[in-house]
Amino acid sequence: MAADDDDNRSQKRSHSEFRDDASDSSSDDDMGPQLPSEAPKKKRRVLPHEKLYVAALPKSTRYSKSLMHKEQILFATWTPLTEFLITSSVDGVVKFWKKIAQGIEFVKEFKAHNGEIVSVSVSKDGRSFATAGSDDTVKIFDVITFDLLSMISLNYTPNCVCWVHSKGASLPLLAVSEQAKPLIYIYDGRGEKGGGYPNHQGSA
Protein backbone atom coordinates (compact mmCIF):
# COMPACT_ATOMS: atom_id res chain seq x y z
CA MET A 1 0.00 0.00 0.00
CA ALA A 2 2.85 2.37 0.84
CA ALA A 3 4.49 1.58 -2.50
CA ASP A 4 1.30 2.52 -4.38
CA ASP A 5 1.14 5.88 -2.59
CA ASP A 6 4.75 6.62 -3.61
CA ASP A 7 3.93 5.84 -7.28
CA ASN A 8 0.89 8.17 -7.26
CA ARG A 9 2.92 10.99 -5.77
CA SER A 10 5.64 10.60 -8.42
CA GLN A 11 3.05 10.82 -11.24
CA LYS A 12 1.40 13.96 -9.85
CA ARG A 13 2.82 17.35 -10.88
CA SER A 14 3.28 20.05 -8.35
CA HIS A 15 1.40 23.35 -8.56
CA SER A 16 4.64 25.23 -9.24
CA GLU A 17 5.31 23.07 -12.32
CA PHE A 18 1.86 23.91 -13.78
CA ARG A 19 2.48 27.61 -13.12
CA ASP A 20 5.85 27.54 -14.90
CA ASP A 21 4.29 25.84 -18.00
CA ALA A 22 1.48 28.40 -18.12
CA SER A 23 3.98 31.23 -17.88
CA ASP A 24 6.01 29.83 -20.78
CA SER A 25 2.86 29.46 -22.97
CA SER A 26 1.73 33.00 -22.17
CA SER A 27 5.17 34.31 -23.06
CA ASP A 28 5.01 32.57 -26.46
CA ASP A 29 1.58 34.10 -27.17
CA ASP A 30 2.84 37.59 -26.40
CA MET A 31 5.89 37.30 -28.65
CA GLY A 32 4.08 35.73 -31.62
CA PRO A 33 5.71 33.56 -34.26
CA GLN A 34 9.38 33.96 -34.86
CA LEU A 35 10.22 36.36 -37.69
CA PRO A 36 12.14 35.00 -40.66
CA SER A 37 15.75 35.96 -40.93
CA GLU A 38 16.54 39.08 -42.96
CA ALA A 39 17.26 38.61 -46.64
CA PRO A 40 20.87 39.23 -47.55
CA LYS A 41 21.51 42.76 -48.79
CA LYS A 42 22.16 43.07 -52.50
CA LYS A 43 25.60 44.15 -53.43
CA ARG A 44 25.88 47.50 -55.22
CA ARG A 45 26.69 46.98 -58.86
CA VAL A 46 29.95 48.59 -59.87
CA LEU A 47 30.39 49.53 -63.51
CA PRO A 48 33.78 49.16 -65.10
CA HIS A 49 35.53 52.53 -65.31
CA GLU A 50 32.75 54.11 -63.22
CA LYS A 51 35.03 56.88 -61.98
CA LEU A 52 35.73 57.94 -65.56
CA TYR A 53 32.01 58.25 -66.30
CA VAL A 54 31.43 60.34 -63.19
CA ALA A 55 34.38 62.58 -63.99
CA ALA A 56 33.04 63.16 -67.52
CA LEU A 57 29.62 64.41 -66.35
CA PRO A 58 29.05 68.12 -67.15
CA LYS A 59 29.30 70.39 -64.16
CA SER A 60 28.11 73.71 -65.59
CA THR A 61 25.24 75.59 -63.97
CA ARG A 62 23.71 76.35 -67.39
CA TYR A 63 23.48 74.30 -70.57
CA SER A 64 22.74 75.10 -74.19
CA LYS A 65 21.75 73.04 -77.24
CA SER A 66 22.80 73.78 -80.79
CA LEU A 67 20.02 73.65 -83.38
CA MET A 68 22.33 74.20 -86.32
CA HIS A 69 22.57 71.82 -89.25
CA LYS A 70 25.34 69.25 -88.95
CA GLU A 71 26.10 69.43 -92.66
CA GLN A 72 26.32 72.18 -95.27
CA ILE A 73 23.09 74.06 -96.00
CA LEU A 74 21.99 73.86 -99.63
CA PHE A 75 18.76 75.88 -99.55
CA ALA A 76 17.34 78.61 -97.31
CA THR A 77 13.74 79.37 -98.28
CA TRP A 78 11.59 82.20 -96.96
CA THR A 79 7.84 81.50 -97.16
CA PRO A 80 5.68 84.47 -98.22
CA LEU A 81 2.74 85.46 -95.99
CA THR A 82 3.27 82.63 -93.48
CA GLU A 83 6.74 83.95 -92.52
CA PHE A 84 8.68 80.73 -92.02
CA LEU A 85 12.34 80.14 -92.79
CA ILE A 86 12.97 76.62 -94.08
CA THR A 87 16.56 75.39 -94.31
CA SER A 88 17.67 72.25 -96.13
CA SER A 89 21.10 70.63 -95.84
CA VAL A 90 23.14 68.23 -97.92
CA ASP A 91 22.38 65.28 -95.61
CA GLY A 92 18.64 65.41 -96.37
CA VAL A 93 17.58 67.31 -93.24
CA VAL A 94 14.86 69.98 -93.39
CA LYS A 95 14.33 72.43 -90.53
CA PHE A 96 11.44 74.81 -89.95
CA TRP A 97 12.02 78.17 -88.24
CA LYS A 98 9.28 80.67 -87.36
CA LYS A 99 9.75 84.43 -87.40
CA ILE A 100 9.09 85.99 -84.00
CA ALA A 101 9.30 89.52 -82.63
CA GLN A 102 13.05 89.25 -82.19
CA GLY A 103 14.73 86.89 -84.63
CA ILE A 104 13.55 83.38 -85.47
CA GLU A 105 12.58 80.36 -83.37
CA PHE A 106 13.27 76.71 -84.16
CA VAL A 107 10.06 74.74 -84.72
CA LYS A 108 10.65 71.28 -86.19
CA GLU A 109 13.17 69.04 -87.93
CA PHE A 110 12.66 66.33 -90.54
CA LYS A 111 15.04 63.75 -91.97
CA ALA A 112 13.36 64.22 -95.33
CA HIS A 113 15.66 62.27 -97.64
CA ASN A 114 18.26 59.52 -97.51
CA GLY A 115 20.79 61.50 -99.45
CA GLU A 116 21.17 64.95 -100.93
CA ILE A 117 18.25 67.32 -101.50
CA VAL A 118 18.42 68.39 -105.16
CA SER A 119 15.59 70.94 -105.28
CA VAL A 120 13.03 72.74 -103.09
CA SER A 121 10.03 74.95 -103.77
CA VAL A 122 7.49 76.98 -101.79
CA SER A 123 4.07 77.94 -103.12
CA LYS A 124 3.05 81.57 -103.73
CA ASP A 125 0.66 81.53 -100.77
CA GLY A 126 3.40 80.22 -98.47
CA ARG A 127 1.34 77.23 -97.38
CA SER A 128 3.02 74.38 -99.29
CA PHE A 129 6.67 73.34 -99.40
CA ALA A 130 8.22 70.53 -101.43
CA THR A 131 11.62 68.87 -101.59
CA ALA A 132 13.10 66.49 -104.16
CA GLY A 133 15.94 64.17 -103.26
CA SER A 134 18.56 62.02 -104.88
CA ASP A 135 16.75 59.05 -103.28
CA ASP A 136 14.08 59.44 -106.01
CA THR A 137 11.39 60.76 -103.68
CA VAL A 138 9.46 64.01 -103.30
CA LYS A 139 8.22 65.18 -99.91
CA ILE A 140 5.31 67.62 -99.54
CA PHE A 141 4.93 69.67 -96.34
CA ASP A 142 2.19 71.84 -94.88
CA VAL A 143 4.01 74.99 -93.81
CA ILE A 144 1.48 76.34 -91.29
CA THR A 145 1.27 73.08 -89.34
CA PHE A 146 4.89 72.16 -90.29
CA ASP A 147 3.77 68.58 -90.95
CA LEU A 148 4.76 66.10 -93.64
CA LEU A 149 1.66 65.67 -95.80
CA SER A 150 2.77 63.07 -98.30
CA MET A 151 5.68 61.28 -99.92
CA ILE A 152 5.86 60.55 -103.64
CA SER A 153 8.07 57.65 -104.70
CA LEU A 154 9.38 58.23 -108.22
CA ASN A 155 10.64 55.79 -110.82
CA TYR A 156 13.12 58.39 -112.01
CA THR A 157 15.64 60.82 -110.51
CA PRO A 158 14.14 64.29 -110.10
CA ASN A 159 15.92 67.39 -111.32
CA CYS A 160 13.73 70.26 -110.14
CA VAL A 161 10.42 70.87 -108.34
CA CYS A 162 8.15 73.90 -108.65
CA TRP A 163 4.66 74.77 -107.43
CA VAL A 164 2.62 75.86 -110.47
CA HIS A 165 -0.85 76.58 -109.07
CA SER A 166 -2.04 80.15 -108.68
CA LYS A 167 -2.53 81.86 -105.35
CA GLY A 168 -5.83 80.88 -103.75
CA ALA A 169 -6.26 77.71 -105.86
CA SER A 170 -8.29 74.95 -104.21
CA LEU A 171 -5.83 72.26 -105.32
CA PRO A 172 -2.06 72.84 -105.13
CA LEU A 173 -0.15 71.52 -108.15
CA LEU A 174 3.49 70.52 -108.12
CA ALA A 175 5.66 70.12 -111.22
CA VAL A 176 8.61 67.73 -111.09
CA SER A 177 11.13 67.47 -113.92
CA GLU A 178 13.06 64.33 -114.73
CA GLN A 179 16.83 64.49 -114.73
CA ALA A 180 17.52 62.07 -117.58
CA LYS A 181 14.64 62.96 -119.93
CA PRO A 182 12.91 66.17 -121.12
CA LEU A 183 9.76 65.39 -119.14
CA ILE A 184 7.78 67.32 -116.54
CA TYR A 185 5.31 65.49 -114.30
CA ILE A 186 2.40 67.21 -112.55
CA TYR A 187 1.26 66.07 -109.10
CA ASP A 188 -1.50 67.38 -106.89
CA GLY A 189 -1.05 68.36 -103.27
CA ARG A 190 -2.09 64.91 -102.09
CA GLY A 191 0.80 63.28 -103.92
CA GLU A 192 -1.19 61.78 -106.79
CA LYS A 193 0.69 61.61 -110.06
CA GLY A 194 -0.53 63.35 -113.18
CA GLY A 195 1.00 62.97 -116.61
CA GLY A 196 4.37 63.53 -118.22
CA TYR A 197 4.67 66.35 -120.73
CA PRO A 198 7.56 66.16 -123.26
CA ASN A 199 7.79 69.92 -123.77
CA HIS A 200 11.59 70.22 -123.67
CA GLN A 201 14.39 69.15 -125.94
CA GLY A 202 16.92 68.85 -123.11
CA SER A 203 16.88 68.34 -119.38
CA ALA A 204 13.95 70.11 -117.77
C-alpha atoms as a PDB file:
ATOM      1  CA  MET A   1       0.000   0.000   0.000  1.00  0.00           C
ATOM      2  CA  ALA A   2       2.845   2.371   0.838  1.00  0.00           C
ATOM      3  CA  ALA A   3       4.490   1.575  -2.505  1.00  0.00           C
ATOM      4  CA  ASP A   4       1.302   2.518  -4.381  1.00  0.00           C
ATOM      5  CA  ASP A   5       1.143   5.879  -2.585  1.00  0.00           C
ATOM      6  CA  ASP A   6       4.754   6.618  -3.611  1.00  0.00           C
ATOM      7  CA  ASP A   7       3.933   5.839  -7.283  1.00  0.00           C
ATOM      8  CA  ASN A   8       0.892   8.170  -7.259  1.00  0.00           C
ATOM      9  CA  ARG A   9       2.922  10.993  -5.768  1.00  0.00           C
ATOM     10  CA  SER A  10       5.639  10.595  -8.418  1.00  0.00           C
ATOM     11  CA  GLN A  11       3.053  10.825 -11.242  1.00  0.00           C
ATOM     12  CA  LYS A  12       1.401  13.960  -9.848  1.00  0.00           C
ATOM     13  CA  ARG A  13       2.817  17.346 -10.878  1.00  0.00           C
ATOM     14  CA  SER A  14       3.284  20.047  -8.351  1.00  0.00           C
ATOM     15  CA  HIS A  15       1.402  23.348  -8.557  1.00  0.00           C
ATOM     16  CA  SER A  16       4.641  25.225  -9.239  1.00  0.00           C
ATOM     17  CA  GLU A  17       5.309  23.072 -12.322  1.00  0.00           C
ATOM     18  CA  PHE A  18       1.861  23.909 -13.776  1.00  0.00           C
ATOM     19  CA  ARG A  19       2.485  27.608 -13.115  1.00  0.00           C
ATOM     20  CA  ASP A  20       5.848  27.538 -14.902  1.00  0.00           C
ATOM     21  CA  ASP A  21       4.293  25.845 -17.997  1.00  0.00           C
ATOM     22  CA  ALA A  22       1.479  28.402 -18.122  1.00  0.00           C
ATOM     23  CA  SER A  23       3.982  31.232 -17.876  1.00  0.00           C
ATOM     24  CA  ASP A  24       6.007  29.833 -20.783  1.00  0.00           C
ATOM     25  CA  SER A  25       2.863  29.462 -22.968  1.00  0.00           C
ATOM     26  CA  SER A  26       1.731  32.998 -22.175  1.00  0.00           C
ATOM     27  CA  SER A  27       5.169  34.308 -23.058  1.00  0.00           C
ATOM     28  CA  ASP A  28       5.013  32.568 -26.462  1.00  0.00           C
ATOM     29  CA  ASP A  29       1.584  34.098 -27.174  1.00  0.00           C
ATOM     30  CA  ASP A  30       2.843  37.593 -26.396  1.00  0.00           C
ATOM     31  CA  MET A  31       5.889  37.297 -28.648  1.00  0.00           C
ATOM     32  CA  GLY A  32       4.078  35.730 -31.618  1.00  0.00           C
ATOM     33  CA  PRO A  33       5.709  33.555 -34.260  1.00  0.00           C
ATOM     34  CA  GLN A  34       9.384  33.961 -34.860  1.00  0.00           C
ATOM     35  CA  LEU A  35      10.220  36.364 -37.685  1.00  0.00           C
ATOM     36  CA  PRO A  36      12.140  35.003 -40.659  1.00  0.00           C
ATOM     37  CA  SER A  37      15.749  35.956 -40.926  1.00  0.00           C
ATOM     38  CA  GLU A  38      16.538  39.085 -42.957  1.00  0.00           C
ATOM     39  CA  ALA A  39      17.263  38.614 -46.638  1.00  0.00           C
ATOM     40  CA  PRO A  40      20.865  39.229 -47.548  1.00  0.00           C
ATOM     41  CA  LYS A  41      21.507  42.755 -48.792  1.00  0.00           C
ATOM     42  CA  LYS A  42      22.159  43.074 -52.499  1.00  0.00           C
ATOM     43  CA  LYS A  43      25.600  44.154 -53.426  1.00  0.00           C
ATOM     44  CA  ARG A  44      25.877  47.502 -55.218  1.00  0.00           C
ATOM     45  CA  ARG A  45      26.689  46.984 -58.864  1.00  0.00           C
ATOM     46  CA  VAL A  46      29.952  48.586 -59.865  1.00  0.00           C
ATOM     47  CA  LEU A  47      30.387  49.531 -63.506  1.00  0.00           C
ATOM     48  CA  PRO A  48      33.779  49.159 -65.100  1.00  0.00           C
ATOM     49  CA  HIS A  49      35.529  52.534 -65.308  1.00  0.00           C
ATOM     50  CA  GLU A  50      32.752  54.108 -63.221  1.00  0.00           C
ATOM     51  CA  LYS A  51      35.030  56.883 -61.983  1.00  0.00           C
ATOM     52  CA  LEU A  52      35.734  57.943 -65.560  1.00  0.00           C
ATOM     53  CA  TYR A  53      32.008  58.252 -66.297  1.00  0.00           C
ATOM     54  CA  VAL A  54      31.431  60.335 -63.194  1.00  0.00           C
ATOM     55  CA  ALA A  55      34.379  62.581 -63.989  1.00  0.00           C
ATOM     56  CA  ALA A  56      33.041  63.159 -67.519  1.00  0.00           C
ATOM     57  CA  LEU A  57      29.624  64.415 -66.352  1.00  0.00           C
ATOM     58  CA  PRO A  58      29.051  68.117 -67.148  1.00  0.00           C
ATOM     59  CA  LYS A  59      29.303  70.393 -64.156  1.00  0.00           C
ATOM     60  CA  SER A  60      28.107  73.708 -65.587  1.00  0.00           C
ATOM     61  CA  THR A  61      25.244  75.593 -63.973  1.00  0.00           C
ATOM     62  CA  ARG A  62      23.708  76.352 -67.388  1.00  0.00           C
ATOM     63  CA  TYR A  63      23.476  74.299 -70.571  1.00  0.00           C
ATOM     64  CA  SER A  64      22.742  75.097 -74.194  1.00  0.00           C
ATOM     65  CA  LYS A  65      21.755  73.041 -77.238  1.00  0.00           C
ATOM     66  CA  SER A  66      22.798  73.775 -80.787  1.00  0.00           C
ATOM     67  CA  LEU A  67      20.020  73.646 -83.378  1.00  0.00           C
ATOM     68  CA  MET A  68      22.333  74.197 -86.318  1.00  0.00           C
ATOM     69  CA  HIS A  69      22.573  71.820 -89.255  1.00  0.00           C
ATOM     70  CA  LYS A  70      25.338  69.247 -88.947  1.00  0.00           C
ATOM     71  CA  GLU A  71      26.104  69.433 -92.663  1.00  0.00           C
ATOM     72  CA  GLN A  72      26.321  72.183 -95.274  1.00  0.00           C
ATOM     73  CA  ILE A  73      23.090  74.060 -95.996  1.00  0.00           C
ATOM     74  CA  LEU A  74      21.987  73.858 -99.632  1.00  0.00           C
ATOM     75  CA  PHE A  75      18.760  75.880 -99.550  1.00  0.00           C
ATOM     76  CA  ALA A  76      17.339  78.611 -97.314  1.00  0.00           C
ATOM     77  CA  THR A  77      13.737  79.366 -98.279  1.00  0.00           C
ATOM     78  CA  TRP A  78      11.587  82.197 -96.956  1.00  0.00           C
ATOM     79  CA  THR A  79       7.837  81.504 -97.164  1.00  0.00           C
ATOM     80  CA  PRO A  80       5.678  84.474 -98.224  1.00  0.00           C
ATOM     81  CA  LEU A  81       2.738  85.457 -95.994  1.00  0.00           C
ATOM     82  CA  THR A  82       3.268  82.629 -93.478  1.00  0.00           C
ATOM     83  CA  GLU A  83       6.742  83.946 -92.515  1.00  0.00           C
ATOM     84  CA  PHE A  84       8.684  80.735 -92.021  1.00  0.00           C
ATOM     85  CA  LEU A  85      12.336  80.144 -92.794  1.00  0.00           C
ATOM     86  CA  ILE A  86      12.971  76.615 -94.076  1.00  0.00           C
ATOM     87  CA  THR A  87      16.556  75.393 -94.312  1.00  0.00           C
ATOM     88  CA  SER A  88      17.672  72.252 -96.133  1.00  0.00           C
ATOM     89  CA  SER A  89      21.096  70.632 -95.841  1.00  0.00           C
ATOM     90  CA  VAL A  90      23.144  68.231 -97.920  1.00  0.00           C
ATOM     91  CA  ASP A  91      22.381  65.285 -95.606  1.00  0.00           C
ATOM     92  CA  GLY A  92      18.639  65.413 -96.372  1.00  0.00           C
ATOM     93  CA  VAL A  93      17.581  67.312 -93.241  1.00  0.00           C
ATOM     94  CA  VAL A  94      14.858  69.984 -93.395  1.00  0.00           C
ATOM     95  CA  LYS A  95      14.329  72.429 -90.525  1.00  0.00           C
ATOM     96  CA  PHE A  96      11.437  74.812 -89.949  1.00  0.00           C
ATOM     97  CA  TRP A  97      12.025  78.169 -88.241  1.00  0.00           C
ATOM     98  CA  LYS A  98       9.278  80.673 -87.357  1.00  0.00           C
ATOM     99  CA  LYS A  99       9.751  84.430 -87.402  1.00  0.00           C
ATOM    100  CA  ILE A 100       9.086  85.992 -83.998  1.00  0.00           C
ATOM    101  CA  ALA A 101       9.304  89.525 -82.627  1.00  0.00           C
ATOM    102  CA  GLN A 102      13.051  89.254 -82.191  1.00  0.00           C
ATOM    103  CA  GLY A 103      14.728  86.892 -84.630  1.00  0.00           C
ATOM    104  CA  ILE A 104      13.551  83.375 -85.466  1.00  0.00           C
ATOM    105  CA  GLU A 105      12.582  80.365 -83.375  1.00  0.00           C
ATOM    106  CA  PHE A 106      13.269  76.707 -84.161  1.00  0.00           C
ATOM    107  CA  VAL A 107      10.062  74.742 -84.720  1.00  0.00           C
ATOM    108  CA  LYS A 108      10.649  71.282 -86.185  1.00  0.00           C
ATOM    109  CA  GLU A 109      13.169  69.044 -87.934  1.00  0.00           C
ATOM    110  CA  PHE A 110      12.664  66.327 -90.542  1.00  0.00           C
ATOM    111  CA  LYS A 111      15.035  63.747 -91.965  1.00  0.00           C
ATOM    112  CA  ALA A 112      13.356  64.216 -95.329  1.00  0.00           C
ATOM    113  CA  HIS A 113      15.664  62.269 -97.643  1.00  0.00           C
ATOM    114  CA  ASN A 114      18.255  59.519 -97.515  1.00  0.00           C
ATOM    115  CA  GLY A 115      20.788  61.498 -99.454  1.00  0.00           C
ATOM    116  CA  GLU A 116      21.172  64.951-100.934  1.00  0.00           C
ATOM    117  CA  ILE A 117      18.254  67.316-101.505  1.00  0.00           C
ATOM    118  CA  VAL A 118      18.415  68.392-105.157  1.00  0.00           C
ATOM    119  CA  SER A 119      15.588  70.939-105.285  1.00  0.00           C
ATOM    120  CA  VAL A 120      13.029  72.736-103.088  1.00  0.00           C
ATOM    121  CA  SER A 121      10.032  74.951-103.772  1.00  0.00           C
ATOM    122  CA  VAL A 122       7.490  76.976-101.786  1.00  0.00           C
ATOM    123  CA  SER A 123       4.066  77.942-103.117  1.00  0.00           C
ATOM    124  CA  LYS A 124       3.047  81.566-103.726  1.00  0.00           C
ATOM    125  CA  ASP A 125       0.660  81.528-100.772  1.00  0.00           C
ATOM    126  CA  GLY A 126       3.400  80.222 -98.470  1.00  0.00           C
ATOM    127  CA  ARG A 127       1.343  77.234 -97.380  1.00  0.00           C
ATOM    128  CA  SER A 128       3.018  74.383 -99.285  1.00  0.00           C
ATOM    129  CA  PHE A 129       6.669  73.340 -99.401  1.00  0.00           C
ATOM    130  CA  ALA A 130       8.217  70.527-101.430  1.00  0.00           C
ATOM    131  CA  THR A 131      11.624  68.869-101.587  1.00  0.00           C
ATOM    132  CA  ALA A 132      13.099  66.494-104.161  1.00  0.00           C
ATOM    133  CA  GLY A 133      15.944  64.170-103.262  1.00  0.00           C
ATOM    134  CA  SER A 134      18.563  62.018-104.878  1.00  0.00           C
ATOM    135  CA  ASP A 135      16.750  59.049-103.280  1.00  0.00           C
ATOM    136  CA  ASP A 136      14.077  59.438-106.008  1.00  0.00           C
ATOM    137  CA  THR A 137      11.386  60.761-103.684  1.00  0.00           C
ATOM    138  CA  VAL A 138       9.461  64.011-103.305  1.00  0.00           C
ATOM    139  CA  LYS A 139       8.221  65.184 -99.908  1.00  0.00           C
ATOM    140  CA  ILE A 140       5.314  67.624 -99.536  1.00  0.00           C
ATOM    141  CA  PHE A 141       4.933  69.666 -96.336  1.00  0.00           C
ATOM    142  CA  ASP A 142       2.187  71.840 -94.884  1.00  0.00           C
ATOM    143  CA  VAL A 143       4.012  74.992 -93.813  1.00  0.00           C
ATOM    144  CA  ILE A 144       1.484  76.339 -91.294  1.00  0.00           C
ATOM    145  CA  THR A 145       1.266  73.075 -89.339  1.00  0.00           C
ATOM    146  CA  PHE A 146       4.892  72.161 -90.286  1.00  0.00           C
ATOM    147  CA  ASP A 147       3.773  68.584 -90.951  1.00  0.00           C
ATOM    148  CA  LEU A 148       4.761  66.100 -93.640  1.00  0.00           C
ATOM    149  CA  LEU A 149       1.655  65.675 -95.798  1.00  0.00           C
ATOM    150  CA  SER A 150       2.769  63.068 -98.301  1.00  0.00           C
ATOM    151  CA  MET A 151       5.676  61.283 -99.922  1.00  0.00           C
ATOM    152  CA  ILE A 152       5.861  60.548-103.637  1.00  0.00           C
ATOM    153  CA  SER A 153       8.073  57.650-104.701  1.00  0.00           C
ATOM    154  CA  LEU A 154       9.382  58.234-108.218  1.00  0.00           C
ATOM    155  CA  ASN A 155      10.636  55.792-110.821  1.00  0.00           C
ATOM    156  CA  TYR A 156      13.123  58.387-112.012  1.00  0.00           C
ATOM    157  CA  THR A 157      15.636  60.816-110.505  1.00  0.00           C
ATOM    158  CA  PRO A 158      14.139  64.295-110.103  1.00  0.00           C
ATOM    159  CA  ASN A 159      15.925  67.390-111.317  1.00  0.00           C
ATOM    160  CA  CYS A 160      13.732  70.256-110.139  1.00  0.00           C
ATOM    161  CA  VAL A 161      10.415  70.866-108.343  1.00  0.00           C
ATOM    162  CA  CYS A 162       8.149  73.903-108.647  1.00  0.00           C
ATOM    163  CA  TRP A 163       4.658  74.773-107.430  1.00  0.00           C
ATOM    164  CA  VAL A 164       2.625  75.863-110.467  1.00  0.00           C
ATOM    165  CA  HIS A 165      -0.847  76.581-109.071  1.00  0.00           C
ATOM    166  CA  SER A 166      -2.043  80.146-108.684  1.00  0.00           C
ATOM    167  CA  LYS A 167      -2.526  81.859-105.353  1.00  0.00           C
ATOM    168  CA  GLY A 168      -5.829  80.878-103.752  1.00  0.00           C
ATOM    169  CA  ALA A 169      -6.260  77.709-105.859  1.00  0.00           C
ATOM    170  CA  SER A 170      -8.286  74.946-104.208  1.00  0.00           C
ATOM    171  CA  LEU A 171      -5.829  72.257-105.323  1.00  0.00           C
ATOM    172  CA  PRO A 172      -2.061  72.837-105.134  1.00  0.00           C
ATOM    173  CA  LEU A 173      -0.150  71.516-108.147  1.00  0.00           C
ATOM    174  CA  LEU A 174       3.495  70.515-108.120  1.00  0.00           C
ATOM    175  CA  ALA A 175       5.657  70.119-111.222  1.00  0.00           C
ATOM    176  CA  VAL A 176       8.612  67.728-111.094  1.00  0.00           C
ATOM    177  CA  SER A 177      11.128  67.470-113.916  1.00  0.00           C
ATOM    178  CA  GLU A 178      13.060  64.328-114.729  1.00  0.00           C
ATOM    179  CA  GLN A 179      16.833  64.490-114.730  1.00  0.00           C
ATOM    180  CA  ALA A 180      17.522  62.068-117.581  1.00  0.00           C
ATOM    181  CA  LYS A 181      14.640  62.961-119.932  1.00  0.00           C
ATOM    182  CA  PRO A 182      12.908  66.166-121.122  1.00  0.00           C
ATOM    183  CA  LEU A 183       9.761  65.390-119.139  1.00  0.00           C
ATOM    184  CA  ILE A 184       7.783  67.322-116.537  1.00  0.00           C
ATOM    185  CA  TYR A 185       5.308  65.495-114.302  1.00  0.00           C
ATOM    186  CA  ILE A 186       2.404  67.207-112.546  1.00  0.00           C
ATOM    187  CA  TYR A 187       1.259  66.070-109.096  1.00  0.00           C
ATOM    188  CA  ASP A 188      -1.503  67.375-106.890  1.00  0.00           C
ATOM    189  CA  GLY A 189      -1.051  68.365-103.270  1.00  0.00           C
ATOM    190  CA  ARG A 190      -2.091  64.911-102.093  1.00  0.00           C
ATOM    191  CA  GLY A 191       0.795  63.276-103.916  1.00  0.00           C
ATOM    192  CA  GLU A 192      -1.194  61.778-106.788  1.00  0.00           C
ATOM    193  CA  LYS A 193       0.690  61.612-110.056  1.00  0.00           C
ATOM    194  CA  GLY A 194      -0.535  63.353-113.176  1.00  0.00           C
ATOM    195  CA  GLY A 195       1.000  62.968-116.614  1.00  0.00           C
ATOM    196  CA  GLY A 196       4.373  63.529-118.225  1.00  0.00           C
ATOM    197  CA  TYR A 197       4.669  66.348-120.731  1.00  0.00           C
ATOM    198  CA  PRO A 198       7.565  66.160-123.256  1.00  0.00           C
ATOM    199  CA  ASN A 199       7.794  69.916-123.773  1.00  0.00           C
ATOM    200  CA  HIS A 200      11.591  70.217-123.670  1.00  0.00           C
ATOM    201  CA  GLN A 201      14.391  69.152-125.943  1.00  0.00           C
ATOM    202  CA  GLY A 202      16.919  68.847-123.110  1.00  0.00           C
ATOM    203  CA  SER A 203      16.883  68.341-119.381  1.00  0.00           C
ATOM    204  CA  ALA A 204      13.946  70.111-117.768  1.00  0.00           C
END
